[in-house]
Amino acid sequence: MTTEAALLRPYDSTNLSARAFWSTTAADREQVYADLRANRPVTWHPPVEDALLKDPDDPGYWAVMRHADIVEVSRRNDVFISGQGTMFENVPEELLEASQSFLAMDPPRHTQLRKLVSAAFTPKQVKRIESQIRANAKAIVSGLAQAGSGADFVTHCARLLPLQTISDMVGIPDDLRGDVSEGAEALVSWADQVYLAGRDPLQMVGQWTQRLHEIALTVAEQRRREPTDDLMTSLVEAEVDGQQLTDAEIAAFFVLLCVAGNDTTRQTTSHALKALTDNPDQRAWLLEDFDGRIGGAIEEFVRWASPVMTFRRTAATDFELNNERITAGDKVVMFYASGNWDTSVFSSPDVLNLSRDPNPHLAFGGGGAHFCLGNQVAKIQLRAIFRELFLQLPDIQAGSPQYVTGNFVHAIREMPCYFGG
């Protein structure tokens, strides 16, 4: 509900909602963030331009810039709720339910559903697929080598491992994996005008969400008849306090997995290769003791990439945040990309430092009830893909990336890579 205070509140002069702002580089945006962190860490802005769903009654949102404030918003799920959406964009309620699962829920439903999913997302399940992730990474880098120097790194490497991992974890049969790949690509590319090629983004998202639901329910029914050792079997069998997941909940979680399980690994892989190319001293340091240093390096990779740049909450009650009075019903957007460059937390954040310790980056959600359930799987994939890259293509270098304009994912559309002299 739009409050009178929201309607009368003046917008900040920076206008973080403009498409022109999101069309600039990350370095350009960071200059704006740095000024806001120092002088106006919580500011009010108009609705985002080119919204997925237009809402004439949308008054705008609060932008939260400092690391400490983002952590507070993340952890105060009693005040800052998720059930009204987690993106800048206003999303139709039925699409929210169908695609974001417990990510867009609040207690007690969020607590119950996360428990059910967590029961299936156990260390045993993660361990089960670790050897397959390594095998997939080896095959993917071998394919990149065959594609030859100059090939697109995103197409031939970065995008492949997370999609294969999702399919392996869930137990997607081979004949359905093509649609899973295409659907996941569509759901993470709705803001990419090149990918859309004139298509309506909301219609495309709706169509592929429906198709992914169909795939999830097909596999779920198969697992009820013939259980196997995979995540879908665990999902259909998971039980907490006598309750199991419904078909709709299983399908929505699968869609969430296709999106959330894709972006962090895919984008971090591309950004990290570019960062290692631009910082050969850090690359050399990592390769001196890859096994001993890759764990900490991955934390810096995801901080540096900030693959998910923003996330939204909605204030359930009035609340004062950094001397600004937020009123019930206001949208609050956390700018992770800003928090990950906060100089009060990170020394020389503009310098890639693979030995950075501690590294309390916000790439997995800043803590709280919605902390990323699959963060360990993402880290296993990053470890595996960089091990293979440096084993098979030790001189690999990234070319100039082409970025996707958008306010949600720090996405690289394509990026050539070069190796072999």
Protein backbone atom coordinates (compact mmCIF):
# COMPACT_ATOMS: atom_id res chain seq x y z
CA MET A 1 0.00 0.00 0.00
CA THR A 2 1.32 3.43 -0.98
CA THR A 3 1.68 5.71 2.01
CA GLU A 4 1.30 9.50 2.00
CA ALA A 5 4.87 9.76 3.29
CA ALA A 6 6.14 7.81 0.28
CA LEU A 7 4.26 10.01 -2.17
CA LEU A 8 5.57 13.23 -0.63
CA ARG A 9 9.17 12.07 -0.13
CA PRO A 10 11.68 13.74 -2.52
CA TYR A 11 13.79 11.54 -4.75
CA ASP A 12 17.57 11.57 -4.52
CA SER A 13 19.35 13.38 -7.33
CA THR A 14 21.39 10.33 -8.36
CA ASN A 15 18.43 8.33 -9.74
CA LEU A 16 19.69 4.78 -9.46
CA SER A 17 16.58 3.69 -11.38
CA ALA A 18 17.59 5.06 -14.76
CA ARG A 19 18.49 2.65 -17.51
CA ALA A 20 21.36 5.00 -18.37
CA PHE A 21 22.86 4.36 -14.92
CA TRP A 22 22.78 0.58 -15.43
CA SER A 23 24.25 0.99 -18.92
CA THR A 24 27.50 2.32 -17.45
CA THR A 25 30.40 0.20 -16.21
CA ALA A 26 30.70 -1.30 -12.75
CA ALA A 27 33.55 1.12 -12.06
CA ASP A 28 31.37 4.09 -13.02
CA ARG A 29 28.55 2.85 -10.80
CA GLU A 30 30.96 2.38 -7.93
CA GLN A 31 31.88 6.07 -8.05
CA VAL A 32 28.22 6.87 -7.41
CA TYR A 33 27.97 4.22 -4.70
CA ALA A 34 31.05 5.53 -2.93
CA ASP A 35 29.55 9.01 -2.74
CA LEU A 36 26.27 7.65 -1.42
CA ARG A 37 27.99 5.41 1.16
CA ALA A 38 29.95 8.40 2.45
CA ASN A 39 27.20 11.01 2.42
CA ARG A 40 23.70 9.52 1.91
CA PRO A 41 23.81 5.79 2.62
CA VAL A 42 20.01 5.33 2.56
CA THR A 43 18.22 7.25 -0.21
CA TRP A 44 14.79 7.35 -1.87
CA HIS A 45 14.47 6.76 -5.63
CA PRO A 46 11.74 6.60 -8.29
CA PRO A 47 10.51 3.28 -9.73
CA VAL A 48 12.95 1.54 -12.04
CA GLU A 49 12.76 2.40 -15.73
CA ASP A 50 11.79 -0.32 -18.22
CA ALA A 51 10.13 -2.35 -15.48
CA LEU A 52 9.04 -5.91 -16.19
CA LEU A 53 5.56 -4.99 -14.95
CA LYS A 54 4.39 -1.37 -14.91
CA ASP A 55 2.67 -0.18 -11.71
CA PRO A 56 1.32 3.38 -11.82
CA ASP A 57 0.93 3.36 -8.03
CA ASP A 58 4.55 2.42 -7.33
CA PRO A 59 6.11 5.38 -5.43
CA GLY A 60 9.70 4.11 -5.53
CA TYR A 61 12.14 2.44 -3.16
CA TRP A 62 14.88 2.98 -0.60
CA ALA A 63 18.44 2.22 -1.78
CA VAL A 64 20.71 0.79 0.94
CA MET A 65 24.42 1.20 0.26
CA ARG A 66 26.54 0.42 3.32
CA HIS A 67 27.63 -3.09 4.24
CA ALA A 68 26.39 -2.84 7.82
CA ASP A 69 22.94 -1.62 6.76
CA ILE A 70 22.62 -4.38 4.16
CA VAL A 71 23.48 -6.97 6.80
CA GLU A 72 20.86 -5.49 9.13
CA VAL A 73 18.16 -5.56 6.46
CA SER A 74 19.15 -9.13 5.54
CA ARG A 75 18.95 -10.39 9.10
CA ARG A 76 15.89 -8.45 10.29
CA ASN A 77 13.38 -10.59 8.42
CA ASP A 78 10.81 -9.63 11.05
CA VAL A 79 10.93 -6.06 9.72
CA PHE A 80 12.10 -6.46 6.12
CA ILE A 81 10.00 -9.17 4.50
CA SER A 82 10.36 -11.06 1.21
CA GLY A 83 6.83 -12.20 0.48
CA GLN A 84 6.02 -9.16 -1.67
CA GLY A 85 8.97 -9.73 -4.01
CA THR A 86 12.75 -9.78 -3.98
CA MET A 87 13.58 -7.78 -7.12
CA PHE A 88 13.45 -4.15 -8.18
CA GLU A 89 10.80 -5.30 -10.59
CA ASN A 90 7.15 -5.73 -9.73
CA VAL A 91 6.33 -9.33 -10.61
CA PRO A 92 2.80 -10.74 -11.00
CA GLU A 93 1.85 -12.65 -7.84
CA GLU A 94 1.26 -15.90 -9.70
CA LEU A 95 4.71 -15.68 -11.31
CA LEU A 96 6.27 -14.88 -7.95
CA GLU A 97 4.79 -18.06 -6.46
CA ALA A 98 5.75 -20.13 -9.48
CA SER A 99 9.36 -19.03 -9.83
CA GLN A 100 10.87 -17.82 -6.56
CA SER A 101 9.73 -20.53 -4.15
CA PHE A 102 10.72 -19.86 -0.52
CA LEU A 103 13.02 -17.02 -1.63
CA ALA A 104 9.88 -14.86 -1.79
CA MET A 105 8.29 -16.14 1.41
CA ASP A 106 8.33 -15.18 5.09
CA PRO A 107 7.98 -17.18 8.30
CA PRO A 108 6.28 -19.40 9.16
CA ARG A 109 5.84 -20.69 5.60
CA HIS A 110 9.42 -19.85 4.64
CA THR A 111 10.78 -21.65 7.69
CA GLN A 112 8.77 -24.78 7.02
CA LEU A 113 9.52 -24.93 3.31
CA ARG A 114 13.22 -24.23 3.78
CA LYS A 115 13.38 -27.05 6.32
CA LEU A 116 11.82 -29.42 3.81
CA VAL A 117 14.20 -28.39 1.04
CA SER A 118 17.19 -28.42 3.40
CA ALA A 119 16.35 -32.00 4.32
CA ALA A 120 16.95 -32.84 0.66
CA PHE A 121 19.90 -30.46 0.21
CA THR A 122 22.17 -32.26 2.64
CA PRO A 123 25.97 -32.58 2.71
CA LYS A 124 25.43 -36.18 1.58
CA GLN A 125 23.66 -34.95 -1.56
CA VAL A 126 26.38 -32.37 -2.22
CA LYS A 127 29.08 -34.99 -1.70
CA ARG A 128 27.27 -37.35 -4.06
CA ILE A 129 27.63 -34.96 -6.98
CA GLU A 130 31.12 -33.61 -6.24
CA SER A 131 32.88 -36.22 -8.37
CA GLN A 132 30.39 -35.60 -11.18
CA ILE A 133 31.07 -31.85 -11.00
CA ARG A 134 34.78 -32.52 -11.39
CA ALA A 135 34.15 -34.85 -14.34
CA ASN A 136 31.85 -32.30 -15.97
CA ALA A 137 34.42 -29.53 -15.48
CA LYS A 138 37.11 -31.66 -17.11
CA ALA A 139 34.90 -32.38 -20.12
CA ILE A 140 33.78 -28.74 -20.44
CA VAL A 141 37.33 -27.38 -20.50
CA SER A 142 38.30 -30.10 -22.98
CA GLY A 143 35.44 -28.88 -25.17
CA LEU A 144 36.64 -25.31 -24.83
CA ALA A 145 40.11 -26.39 -25.93
CA GLN A 146 38.61 -28.09 -28.99
CA ALA A 147 36.61 -24.94 -29.80
CA GLY A 148 39.97 -23.20 -30.10
CA SER A 149 41.57 -19.96 -29.05
CA GLY A 150 39.23 -17.04 -29.59
CA ALA A 151 36.10 -19.03 -28.66
CA ASP A 152 33.43 -17.42 -26.50
CA PHE A 153 34.21 -18.34 -22.90
CA VAL A 154 30.61 -17.90 -21.74
CA THR A 155 29.12 -20.21 -24.37
CA HIS A 156 31.79 -22.89 -24.22
CA CYS A 157 32.58 -22.85 -20.50
CA ALA A 158 31.01 -20.54 -17.92
CA ARG A 159 27.35 -21.27 -18.66
CA LEU A 160 27.75 -25.04 -19.01
CA LEU A 161 28.85 -26.28 -15.60
CA PRO A 162 26.01 -24.84 -13.47
CA LEU A 163 23.39 -26.14 -15.90
CA GLN A 164 24.92 -29.61 -15.92
CA THR A 165 25.22 -29.53 -12.14
CA ILE A 166 21.55 -28.64 -11.70
CA SER A 167 20.47 -31.41 -14.05
CA ASP A 168 22.74 -33.94 -12.33
CA MET A 169 21.60 -32.96 -8.84
CA VAL A 170 17.91 -33.10 -9.66
CA GLY A 171 18.17 -36.18 -11.88
CA ILE A 172 16.93 -34.66 -15.14
CA PRO A 173 16.92 -37.28 -17.93
CA ASP A 174 19.03 -36.58 -21.00
CA ASP A 175 16.07 -35.96 -23.30
CA LEU A 176 14.83 -33.07 -21.12
CA ARG A 177 18.16 -31.36 -20.47
CA GLY A 178 17.99 -29.26 -23.62
CA ASP A 179 14.76 -27.63 -22.46
CA VAL A 180 16.14 -27.14 -18.95
CA SER A 181 19.16 -25.38 -20.43
CA GLU A 182 17.05 -23.19 -22.69
CA GLY A 183 14.58 -22.38 -19.91
CA ALA A 184 17.30 -21.47 -17.43
CA GLU A 185 18.95 -19.27 -20.05
CA ALA A 186 15.65 -17.48 -20.70
CA LEU A 187 14.98 -16.83 -17.02
CA VAL A 188 18.39 -15.26 -16.44
CA SER A 189 18.35 -13.27 -19.71
CA TRP A 190 15.01 -11.48 -19.61
CA ALA A 191 16.73 -8.08 -19.25
CA ASP A 192 19.12 -8.70 -22.15
CA GLN A 193 17.76 -6.86 -25.18
CA VAL A 194 20.10 -8.79 -27.49
CA TYR A 195 18.79 -12.12 -26.18
CA LEU A 196 15.16 -10.96 -26.28
CA ALA A 197 15.43 -9.90 -29.94
CA GLY A 198 12.13 -8.03 -29.71
CA ARG A 199 10.25 -10.62 -27.64
CA ASP A 200 8.10 -9.57 -24.70
CA PRO A 201 10.13 -10.38 -21.55
CA LEU A 202 7.14 -11.06 -19.29
CA GLN A 203 5.59 -13.41 -21.81
CA MET A 204 8.88 -15.22 -22.33
CA VAL A 205 9.44 -15.64 -18.58
CA GLY A 206 5.91 -16.97 -18.15
CA GLN A 207 6.25 -19.48 -20.96
CA TRP A 208 9.55 -20.89 -19.76
CA THR A 209 8.44 -20.96 -16.14
CA GLN A 210 5.50 -23.11 -17.23
CA ARG A 211 7.77 -25.41 -19.23
CA LEU A 212 10.17 -25.86 -16.30
CA HIS A 213 7.18 -26.68 -14.08
CA GLU A 214 6.16 -29.38 -16.55
CA ILE A 215 9.66 -30.87 -16.52
CA ALA A 216 9.85 -30.81 -12.70
CA LEU A 217 6.50 -32.53 -12.29
CA THR A 218 7.33 -35.14 -14.93
CA VAL A 219 10.53 -36.05 -13.09
CA ALA A 220 8.81 -35.90 -9.68
CA GLU A 221 6.18 -38.40 -10.82
CA GLN A 222 8.89 -40.70 -12.15
CA ARG A 223 10.71 -40.57 -8.81
CA ARG A 224 7.57 -41.41 -6.86
CA ARG A 225 7.28 -44.58 -8.96
CA GLU A 226 10.99 -45.35 -9.13
CA PRO A 227 13.07 -43.61 -6.41
CA THR A 228 16.76 -43.07 -7.10
CA ASP A 229 19.66 -41.36 -5.36
CA ASP A 230 19.04 -37.79 -6.54
CA LEU A 231 17.66 -34.48 -5.31
CA MET A 232 14.23 -34.93 -6.88
CA THR A 233 13.76 -38.21 -5.03
CA SER A 234 14.74 -36.46 -1.82
CA LEU A 235 12.31 -33.63 -2.55
CA VAL A 236 9.33 -35.91 -3.13
CA GLU A 237 10.20 -37.95 -0.04
CA ALA A 238 11.23 -35.10 2.28
CA GLU A 239 9.04 -34.75 5.34
CA VAL A 240 9.07 -32.34 8.27
CA ASP A 241 6.46 -32.55 11.02
CA GLY A 242 4.43 -34.93 8.90
CA GLN A 243 4.25 -32.63 5.87
CA GLN A 244 5.67 -33.11 2.40
CA LEU A 245 6.20 -30.69 -0.46
CA THR A 246 3.28 -30.20 -2.81
CA ASP A 247 3.73 -30.52 -6.57
CA ALA A 248 3.51 -26.74 -6.92
CA GLU A 249 6.21 -26.25 -4.27
CA ILE A 250 8.50 -28.80 -5.93
CA ALA A 251 8.07 -27.14 -9.32
CA ALA A 252 8.66 -23.64 -7.95
CA PHE A 253 11.81 -24.78 -6.16
CA PHE A 254 13.08 -26.33 -9.39
CA VAL A 255 12.61 -23.00 -11.20
CA LEU A 256 14.41 -21.19 -8.38
CA LEU A 257 17.24 -23.71 -8.61
CA CYS A 258 17.54 -23.14 -12.36
CA VAL A 259 17.98 -19.40 -11.77
CA ALA A 260 19.81 -19.14 -8.44
CA GLY A 261 21.92 -22.21 -9.21
CA ASN A 262 22.99 -20.67 -12.48
CA ASP A 263 23.83 -17.01 -11.96
CA THR A 264 26.37 -17.03 -9.14
CA THR A 265 28.59 -19.72 -10.66
CA ARG A 266 28.22 -18.65 -14.28
CA GLN A 267 28.89 -14.96 -13.75
CA THR A 268 31.62 -15.44 -11.15
CA THR A 269 33.48 -17.81 -13.48
CA SER A 270 33.56 -15.20 -16.26
CA HIS A 271 34.38 -12.25 -14.01
CA ALA A 272 37.11 -14.21 -12.22
CA LEU A 273 38.88 -15.19 -15.45
CA LYS A 274 38.87 -11.55 -16.54
CA ALA A 275 40.16 -10.45 -13.12
CA LEU A 276 42.97 -13.03 -13.17
CA THR A 277 43.90 -11.89 -16.69
CA ASP A 278 44.06 -8.27 -15.54
CA ASN A 279 45.97 -9.17 -12.35
CA PRO A 280 48.72 -11.62 -13.34
CA ASP A 281 50.41 -11.26 -9.95
CA GLN A 282 47.32 -12.66 -8.24
CA ARG A 283 47.07 -15.45 -10.76
CA ALA A 284 50.70 -16.39 -10.14
CA TRP A 285 50.14 -16.31 -6.36
CA LEU A 286 47.15 -18.65 -6.68
CA LEU A 287 49.01 -21.13 -8.90
CA GLU A 288 51.92 -21.38 -6.45
CA ASP A 289 49.60 -23.40 -4.18
CA PHE A 290 46.26 -23.90 -5.92
CA ASP A 291 44.83 -26.43 -3.46
CA GLY A 292 45.86 -24.44 -0.43
CA ARG A 293 44.73 -21.06 -1.75
CA ILE A 294 41.70 -21.63 -3.97
CA GLY A 295 39.25 -21.66 -1.03
CA GLY A 296 40.03 -18.08 -0.01
CA ALA A 297 40.43 -17.04 -3.64
CA ILE A 298 36.86 -18.11 -4.40
CA GLU A 299 35.57 -15.79 -1.68
CA GLU A 300 37.38 -12.93 -3.38
CA PHE A 301 36.12 -14.04 -6.79
CA VAL A 302 32.49 -13.74 -5.68
CA ARG A 303 33.10 -10.44 -3.84
CA TRP A 304 34.79 -9.03 -6.91
CA ALA A 305 32.09 -10.25 -9.29
CA SER A 306 29.09 -9.42 -7.06
CA PRO A 307 27.08 -11.60 -9.49
CA VAL A 308 23.76 -10.60 -7.92
CA MET A 309 23.93 -6.82 -7.64
CA THR A 310 20.65 -6.02 -5.88
CA PHE A 311 17.92 -7.65 -3.84
CA ARG A 312 14.73 -6.21 -2.43
CA ARG A 313 12.71 -6.45 0.76
CA THR A 314 9.53 -4.67 1.87
CA ALA A 315 9.18 -2.98 5.25
CA ALA A 316 6.50 -4.68 7.36
CA THR A 317 6.65 -1.97 10.03
CA ASP A 318 8.07 1.52 10.43
CA PHE A 319 11.82 1.37 11.02
CA GLU A 320 14.73 3.77 11.29
CA LEU A 321 17.75 2.81 9.19
CA ASN A 322 20.83 5.03 9.26
CA ASN A 323 18.76 8.04 10.36
CA GLU A 324 16.14 7.58 7.63
CA ARG A 325 12.55 6.82 8.61
CA ILE A 326 11.32 3.90 6.54
CA THR A 327 7.56 3.43 6.69
CA ALA A 328 5.57 0.20 6.52
CA GLY A 329 4.98 -0.79 2.90
CA ASP A 330 8.15 0.87 1.53
CA LYS A 331 10.33 -1.17 -0.79
CA VAL A 332 13.95 -1.47 0.35
CA VAL A 333 16.66 -2.47 -2.13
CA MET A 334 20.02 -3.74 -0.94
CA PHE A 335 22.90 -2.85 -3.27
CA TYR A 336 25.26 -5.79 -2.75
CA ALA A 337 27.71 -4.40 -5.32
CA SER A 338 28.07 -1.32 -3.14
CA GLY A 339 28.34 -3.23 0.13
CA ASN A 340 31.10 -5.40 -1.31
CA TRP A 341 33.18 -2.26 -1.96
CA ASP A 342 32.55 -0.63 1.42
CA THR A 343 35.91 0.70 2.62
CA SER A 344 34.83 0.51 6.25
CA VAL A 345 34.83 -3.29 5.84
CA PHE A 346 37.24 -4.02 2.97
CA SER A 347 40.70 -2.54 2.71
CA SER A 348 41.38 -1.36 -0.88
CA PRO A 349 38.24 -3.03 -2.22
CA ASP A 350 39.12 -1.96 -5.77
CA VAL A 351 42.18 -4.21 -5.63
CA LEU A 352 41.79 -7.94 -6.34
CA ASN A 353 43.32 -9.61 -3.29
CA LEU A 354 42.95 -13.40 -3.34
CA SER A 355 44.44 -13.64 0.16
CA ARG A 356 41.86 -11.24 1.62
CA ASP A 357 40.96 -12.42 5.12
CA PRO A 358 38.45 -11.94 6.54
CA ASN A 359 36.21 -11.51 3.53
CA PRO A 360 32.62 -10.96 4.73
CA HIS A 361 31.24 -10.34 1.23
CA LEU A 362 27.52 -10.21 0.56
CA ALA A 363 27.45 -12.39 -2.54
CA PHE A 364 25.42 -15.13 -0.88
CA GLY A 365 22.86 -12.82 0.65
CA GLY A 366 24.35 -11.11 3.70
CA GLY A 367 23.26 -13.74 6.21
CA GLY A 368 19.87 -14.11 7.78
CA ALA A 369 17.02 -16.48 6.98
CA HIS A 370 17.56 -16.24 3.22
CA PHE A 371 21.29 -16.99 3.16
CA CYS A 372 22.02 -18.99 -0.03
CA LEU A 373 21.29 -22.66 0.53
CA GLY A 374 23.48 -23.72 -2.40
CA ASN A 375 26.60 -21.70 -1.63
CA GLN A 376 28.72 -24.81 -1.05
CA VAL A 377 27.72 -26.26 -4.41
CA ALA A 378 28.69 -22.99 -6.09
CA LYS A 379 32.10 -23.07 -4.42
CA ILE A 380 32.69 -26.70 -5.44
CA GLN A 381 31.95 -25.78 -9.05
CA LEU A 382 34.27 -22.77 -9.02
CA ARG A 383 37.05 -24.86 -7.55
CA ALA A 384 36.56 -27.58 -10.16
CA ILE A 385 36.34 -25.33 -13.21
CA PHE A 386 39.43 -23.27 -12.36
CA ARG A 387 41.44 -26.38 -11.55
CA GLU A 388 40.68 -27.72 -15.01
CA LEU A 389 41.26 -24.41 -16.75
CA PHE A 390 44.74 -24.13 -15.30
CA LEU A 391 45.55 -27.82 -15.88
CA GLN A 392 44.40 -27.99 -19.48
CA LEU A 393 44.83 -24.37 -20.62
CA PRO A 394 47.49 -22.92 -18.30
CA ASP A 395 47.99 -19.78 -20.38
CA ILE A 396 44.29 -18.95 -20.88
CA GLN A 397 43.49 -15.25 -21.02
CA ALA A 398 40.18 -13.39 -21.15
CA GLY A 399 39.41 -10.91 -23.89
CA SER A 400 37.03 -7.96 -23.66
CA PRO A 401 33.66 -8.88 -22.17
CA GLN A 402 30.28 -7.65 -23.40
CA TYR A 403 28.02 -6.87 -20.46
CA VAL A 404 24.25 -7.12 -20.20
CA THR A 405 22.48 -3.94 -19.15
CA GLY A 406 20.39 -4.67 -16.07
CA ASN A 407 19.93 -3.90 -12.39
CA PHE A 408 19.81 -7.44 -11.02
CA VAL A 409 22.59 -9.70 -12.33
CA HIS A 410 26.12 -8.51 -13.12
CA ALA A 411 26.00 -10.48 -16.34
CA ILE A 412 28.57 -11.01 -19.07
CA ARG A 413 26.87 -11.94 -22.33
CA GLU A 414 30.01 -13.05 -24.13
CA MET A 415 33.78 -12.86 -23.71
CA PRO A 416 36.43 -14.32 -26.00
CA CYS A 417 39.30 -16.27 -24.49
CA TYR A 418 42.74 -16.98 -25.86
CA PHE A 419 45.21 -19.78 -25.20
CA GLY A 420 47.91 -21.89 -26.75
CA GLY A 421 50.12 -19.07 -27.93
